[in-house]
PDB file of all heavy atoms in Angstrom:
ATOM      1  N   GLY A   1     -15.303   3.710   2.852  1.00  0.00           N
ATOM      2  CA  GLY A   1     -14.378   4.839   2.664  1.00  0.00           C
ATOM      3  C   GLY A   1     -13.342   4.539   1.592  1.00  0.00           C
ATOM      4  O   GLY A   1     -12.995   5.408   0.771  1.00  0.00           O
ATOM      5  N   ILE A   2     -12.831   3.300   1.564  1.00  0.00           N
ATOM      6  CA  ILE A   2     -11.854   2.917   0.531  1.00  0.00           C
ATOM      7  C   ILE A   2     -12.502   3.006  -0.852  1.00  0.00           C
ATOM      8  O   ILE A   2     -11.920   3.531  -1.797  1.00  0.00           O
ATOM      9  CB  ILE A   2     -11.309   1.494   0.800  1.00  0.00           C
ATOM     10  CG1 ILE A   2     -10.444   1.498   2.056  1.00  0.00           C
ATOM     11  CG2 ILE A   2     -10.552   0.960  -0.393  1.00  0.00           C
ATOM     12  CD1 ILE A   2     -10.042   0.122   2.523  1.00  0.00           C
ATOM     13  N   LYS A   3     -13.721   2.499  -0.945  1.00  0.00           N
ATOM     14  CA  LYS A   3     -14.416   2.519  -2.232  1.00  0.00           C
ATOM     15  C   LYS A   3     -14.636   3.959  -2.695  1.00  0.00           C
ATOM     16  O   LYS A   3     -14.425   4.281  -3.868  1.00  0.00           O
ATOM     17  CB  LYS A   3     -15.757   1.770  -2.093  1.00  0.00           C
ATOM     18  CG  LYS A   3     -16.591   1.764  -3.341  1.00  0.00           C
ATOM     19  CD  LYS A   3     -15.941   0.965  -4.437  1.00  0.00           C
ATOM     20  CE  LYS A   3     -16.881   0.868  -5.627  1.00  0.00           C
ATOM     21  NZ  LYS A   3     -16.321   0.176  -6.736  1.00  0.00           N
ATOM     22  N   GLN A   4     -15.044   4.842  -1.769  1.00  0.00           N
ATOM     23  CA  GLN A   4     -15.268   6.244  -2.142  1.00  0.00           C
ATOM     24  C   GLN A   4     -13.968   6.929  -2.553  1.00  0.00           C
ATOM     25  O   GLN A   4     -13.924   7.702  -3.519  1.00  0.00           O
ATOM     26  CB  GLN A   4     -15.924   7.000  -0.980  1.00  0.00           C
ATOM     27  CG  GLN A   4     -17.372   6.626  -0.746  1.00  0.00           C
ATOM     28  CD  GLN A   4     -17.925   7.266   0.516  1.00  0.00           C
ATOM     29  OE1 GLN A   4     -17.201   7.833   1.319  1.00  0.00           O
ATOM     30  NE2 GLN A   4     -19.241   7.149   0.679  1.00  0.00           N
ATOM     31  N   ALA A   5     -12.899   6.623  -1.848  1.00  0.00           N
ATOM     32  CA  ALA A   5     -11.609   7.217  -2.196  1.00  0.00           C
ATOM     33  C   ALA A   5     -11.142   6.722  -3.555  1.00  0.00           C
ATOM     34  O   ALA A   5     -10.585   7.498  -4.356  1.00  0.00           O
ATOM     35  CB  ALA A   5     -10.584   6.879  -1.118  1.00  0.00           C
ATOM     36  N   MET A   6     -11.349   5.448  -3.844  1.00  0.00           N
ATOM     37  CA  MET A   6     -10.959   4.922  -5.143  1.00  0.00           C
ATOM     38  C   MET A   6     -11.784   5.565  -6.253  1.00  0.00           C
ATOM     39  O   MET A   6     -11.251   5.893  -7.328  1.00  0.00           O
ATOM     40  CB  MET A   6     -11.120   3.398  -5.172  1.00  0.00           C
ATOM     41  CG  MET A   6     -10.074   2.679  -4.329  1.00  0.00           C
ATOM     42  SD  MET A   6     -10.355   0.918  -4.157  1.00  0.00           S
ATOM     43  CE  MET A   6     -10.201   0.339  -5.803  1.00  0.00           C
ATOM     44  N   ASN A   7     -13.068   5.776  -6.007  1.00  0.00           N
ATOM     45  CA  ASN A   7     -13.908   6.458  -6.995  1.00  0.00           C
ATOM     46  C   ASN A   7     -13.438   7.886  -7.211  1.00  0.00           C
ATOM     47  O   ASN A   7     -13.407   8.383  -8.345  1.00  0.00           O
ATOM     48  CB  ASN A   7     -15.379   6.451  -6.555  1.00  0.00           C
ATOM     49  CG  ASN A   7     -16.025   5.108  -6.722  1.00  0.00           C
ATOM     50  OD1 ASN A   7     -15.520   4.260  -7.456  1.00  0.00           O
ATOM     51  ND2 ASN A   7     -17.128   4.888  -6.020  1.00  0.00           N
ATOM     52  N   GLY A   8     -13.053   8.552  -6.112  1.00  0.00           N
ATOM     53  CA  GLY A   8     -12.537   9.928  -6.237  1.00  0.00           C
ATOM     54  C   GLY A   8     -11.247   9.967  -7.025  1.00  0.00           C
ATOM     55  O   GLY A   8     -11.015  10.880  -7.822  1.00  0.00           O
ATOM     56  N   LEU A   9     -10.389   8.980  -6.840  1.00  0.00           N
ATOM     57  CA  LEU A   9      -9.126   8.907  -7.575  1.00  0.00           C
ATOM     58  C   LEU A   9      -9.374   8.673  -9.052  1.00  0.00           C
ATOM     59  O   LEU A   9      -8.769   9.315  -9.910  1.00  0.00           O
ATOM     60  CB  LEU A   9      -8.258   7.784  -6.989  1.00  0.00           C
ATOM     61  CG  LEU A   9      -6.921   7.533  -7.676  1.00  0.00           C
ATOM     62  CD1 LEU A   9      -6.021   8.759  -7.547  1.00  0.00           C
ATOM     63  CD2 LEU A   9      -6.244   6.321  -7.102  1.00  0.00           C
ATOM     64  N   VAL A  10     -10.289   7.762  -9.363  1.00  0.00           N
ATOM     65  CA  VAL A  10     -10.574   7.435 -10.756  1.00  0.00           C
ATOM     66  C   VAL A  10     -11.249   8.616 -11.446  1.00  0.00           C
ATOM     67  O   VAL A  10     -10.902   8.973 -12.572  1.00  0.00           O
ATOM     68  CB  VAL A  10     -11.455   6.171 -10.846  1.00  0.00           C
ATOM     69  CG1 VAL A  10     -11.993   5.970 -12.252  1.00  0.00           C
ATOM     70  CG2 VAL A  10     -10.660   4.952 -10.401  1.00  0.00           C
ATOM     71  N   MET A  11     -12.206   9.236 -10.763  1.00  0.00           N
ATOM     72  CA  MET A  11     -12.994  10.278 -11.410  1.00  0.00           C
ATOM     73  C   MET A  11     -12.261  11.618 -11.468  1.00  0.00           C
ATOM     74  O   MET A  11     -12.337  12.333 -12.460  1.00  0.00           O
ATOM     75  CB  MET A  11     -14.336  10.461 -10.695  1.00  0.00           C
ATOM     76  CG  MET A  11     -15.231   9.224 -10.828  1.00  0.00           C
ATOM     77  SD  MET A  11     -16.703   9.383  -9.887  1.00  0.00           S
ATOM     78  CE  MET A  11     -17.768  10.115 -11.090  1.00  0.00           C
ATOM     79  N   PHE A  12     -11.604  11.976 -10.382  1.00  0.00           N
ATOM     80  CA  PHE A  12     -11.011  13.325 -10.320  1.00  0.00           C
ATOM     81  C   PHE A  12      -9.496  13.324 -10.323  1.00  0.00           C
ATOM     82  O   PHE A  12      -8.877  14.379 -10.350  1.00  0.00           O
ATOM     83  CB  PHE A  12     -11.510  14.057  -9.065  1.00  0.00           C
ATOM     84  CG  PHE A  12     -13.014  14.128  -8.988  1.00  0.00           C
ATOM     85  CD1 PHE A  12     -13.705  13.432  -8.011  1.00  0.00           C
ATOM     86  CD2 PHE A  12     -13.736  14.890  -9.896  1.00  0.00           C
ATOM     87  CE1 PHE A  12     -15.079  13.495  -7.933  1.00  0.00           C
ATOM     88  CE2 PHE A  12     -15.106  14.950  -9.817  1.00  0.00           C
ATOM     89  CZ  PHE A  12     -15.793  14.261  -8.838  1.00  0.00           C
ATOM     90  N   GLY A  13      -8.891  12.177 -10.223  1.00  0.00           N
ATOM     91  CA  GLY A  13      -7.440  12.114 -10.193  1.00  0.00           C
ATOM     92  C   GLY A  13      -6.907  12.725  -8.911  1.00  0.00           C
ATOM     93  O   GLY A  13      -5.845  13.346  -8.896  1.00  0.00           O
ATOM     94  N   ASP A  14      -7.629  12.583  -7.883  1.00  0.00           N
ATOM     95  CA  ASP A  14      -7.321  13.216  -6.606  1.00  0.00           C
ATOM     96  C   ASP A  14      -6.121  12.534  -5.970  1.00  0.00           C
ATOM     97  O   ASP A  14      -6.135  11.357  -5.655  1.00  0.00           O
ATOM     98  CB  ASP A  14      -8.553  13.106  -5.707  1.00  0.00           C
ATOM     99  CG  ASP A  14      -8.487  14.008  -4.496  1.00  0.00           C
ATOM    100  OD1 ASP A  14      -7.496  14.738  -4.359  1.00  0.00           O
ATOM    101  OD2 ASP A  14      -9.444  13.982  -3.699  1.00  0.00           O
ATOM    102  N   ALA A  15      -5.046  13.283  -5.742  1.00  0.00           N
ATOM    103  CA  ALA A  15      -3.833  12.738  -5.138  1.00  0.00           C
ATOM    104  C   ALA A  15      -4.054  12.474  -3.650  1.00  0.00           C
ATOM    105  O   ALA A  15      -3.440  11.569  -3.075  1.00  0.00           O
ATOM    106  CB  ALA A  15      -2.676  13.704  -5.334  1.00  0.00           C
ATOM    107  N   LEU A  16      -4.905  13.267  -3.046  1.00  0.00           N
ATOM    108  CA  LEU A  16      -5.214  13.061  -1.636  1.00  0.00           C
ATOM    109  C   LEU A  16      -5.893  11.699  -1.437  1.00  0.00           C
ATOM    110  O   LEU A  16      -5.715  11.058  -0.411  1.00  0.00           O
ATOM    111  CB  LEU A  16      -6.132  14.192  -1.136  1.00  0.00           C
ATOM    112  CG  LEU A  16      -6.521  14.169   0.328  1.00  0.00           C
ATOM    113  CD1 LEU A  16      -5.275  14.266   1.211  1.00  0.00           C
ATOM    114  CD2 LEU A  16      -7.464  15.305   0.627  1.00  0.00           C
ATOM    115  N   ALA A  17      -6.621  11.266  -2.439  1.00  0.00           N
ATOM    116  CA  ALA A  17      -7.308   9.984  -2.356  1.00  0.00           C
ATOM    117  C   ALA A  17      -6.310   8.847  -2.241  1.00  0.00           C
ATOM    118  O   ALA A  17      -6.567   7.859  -1.573  1.00  0.00           O
ATOM    119  CB  ALA A  17      -8.208   9.795  -3.558  1.00  0.00           C
ATOM    120  N   CYS A  18      -5.131   8.969  -2.903  1.00  0.00           N
ATOM    121  CA  CYS A  18      -4.111   7.919  -2.810  1.00  0.00           C
ATOM    122  C   CYS A  18      -3.637   7.755  -1.372  1.00  0.00           C
ATOM    123  O   CYS A  18      -3.476   6.637  -0.884  1.00  0.00           O
ATOM    124  CB  CYS A  18      -2.922   8.265  -3.703  1.00  0.00           C
ATOM    125  SG  CYS A  18      -3.212   7.920  -5.427  1.00  0.00           S
ATOM    126  N   CYS A  19      -3.396   8.872  -0.722  1.00  0.00           N
ATOM    127  CA  CYS A  19      -2.953   8.801   0.686  1.00  0.00           C
ATOM    128  C   CYS A  19      -4.042   8.193   1.561  1.00  0.00           C
ATOM    129  O   CYS A  19      -3.763   7.379   2.445  1.00  0.00           O
ATOM    130  CB  CYS A  19      -2.605  10.207   1.188  1.00  0.00           C
ATOM    131  SG  CYS A  19      -1.192  10.914   0.341  1.00  0.00           S
ATOM    132  N   LEU A  20      -5.278   8.597   1.305  1.00  0.00           N
ATOM    133  CA  LEU A  20      -6.400   8.092   2.095  1.00  0.00           C
ATOM    134  C   LEU A  20      -6.565   6.586   1.891  1.00  0.00           C
ATOM    135  O   LEU A  20      -6.757   5.831   2.852  1.00  0.00           O
ATOM    136  CB  LEU A  20      -7.688   8.823   1.716  1.00  0.00           C
ATOM    137  CG  LEU A  20      -8.941   8.436   2.483  1.00  0.00           C
ATOM    138  CD1 LEU A  20      -8.758   8.698   3.966  1.00  0.00           C
ATOM    139  CD2 LEU A  20     -10.140   9.185   1.961  1.00  0.00           C
ATOM    140  N   ILE A  21      -6.434   6.144   0.652  1.00  0.00           N
ATOM    141  CA  ILE A  21      -6.579   4.715   0.363  1.00  0.00           C
ATOM    142  C   ILE A  21      -5.482   3.924   1.057  1.00  0.00           C
ATOM    143  O   ILE A  21      -5.742   2.887   1.678  1.00  0.00           O
ATOM    144  CB  ILE A  21      -6.549   4.459  -1.158  1.00  0.00           C
ATOM    145  CG1 ILE A  21      -7.823   5.008  -1.785  1.00  0.00           C
ATOM    146  CG2 ILE A  21      -6.402   2.972  -1.458  1.00  0.00           C
ATOM    147  CD1 ILE A  21      -7.802   4.986  -3.291  1.00  0.00           C
ATOM    148  N   SER A  22      -4.266   4.394   1.006  1.00  0.00           N
ATOM    149  CA  SER A  22      -3.175   3.654   1.637  1.00  0.00           C
ATOM    150  C   SER A  22      -3.355   3.613   3.159  1.00  0.00           C
ATOM    151  O   SER A  22      -3.070   2.595   3.793  1.00  0.00           O
ATOM    152  CB  SER A  22      -1.819   4.254   1.252  1.00  0.00           C
ATOM    153  OG  SER A  22      -1.721   5.576   1.720  1.00  0.00           O
ATOM    154  N   MET A  23      -3.847   4.711   3.739  1.00  0.00           N
ATOM    155  CA  MET A  23      -4.073   4.721   5.198  1.00  0.00           C
ATOM    156  C   MET A  23      -5.208   3.755   5.581  1.00  0.00           C
ATOM    157  O   MET A  23      -5.118   3.034   6.566  1.00  0.00           O
ATOM    158  CB  MET A  23      -4.416   6.141   5.679  1.00  0.00           C
ATOM    159  CG  MET A  23      -3.199   7.057   5.690  1.00  0.00           C
ATOM    160  SD  MET A  23      -3.457   8.765   6.234  1.00  0.00           S
ATOM    161  CE  MET A  23      -5.078   8.895   6.768  1.00  0.00           C
ATOM    162  N   LEU A  24      -6.264   3.748   4.788  1.00  0.00           N
ATOM    163  CA  LEU A  24      -7.376   2.873   5.081  1.00  0.00           C
ATOM    164  C   LEU A  24      -6.987   1.407   4.938  1.00  0.00           C
ATOM    165  O   LEU A  24      -7.336   0.569   5.770  1.00  0.00           O
ATOM    166  CB  LEU A  24      -8.570   3.191   4.181  1.00  0.00           C
ATOM    167  CG  LEU A  24      -9.319   4.481   4.506  1.00  0.00           C
ATOM    168  CD1 LEU A  24     -10.348   4.775   3.433  1.00  0.00           C
ATOM    169  CD2 LEU A  24      -9.991   4.392   5.858  1.00  0.00           C
TER     170      LEU A  24
END
């Protein structure tokens, strides 16, 4: 899940991914 969120952040600039990564 962390890896997928990091990929989402890098590819789409998803701000929600930052919150998800920190929670994970």
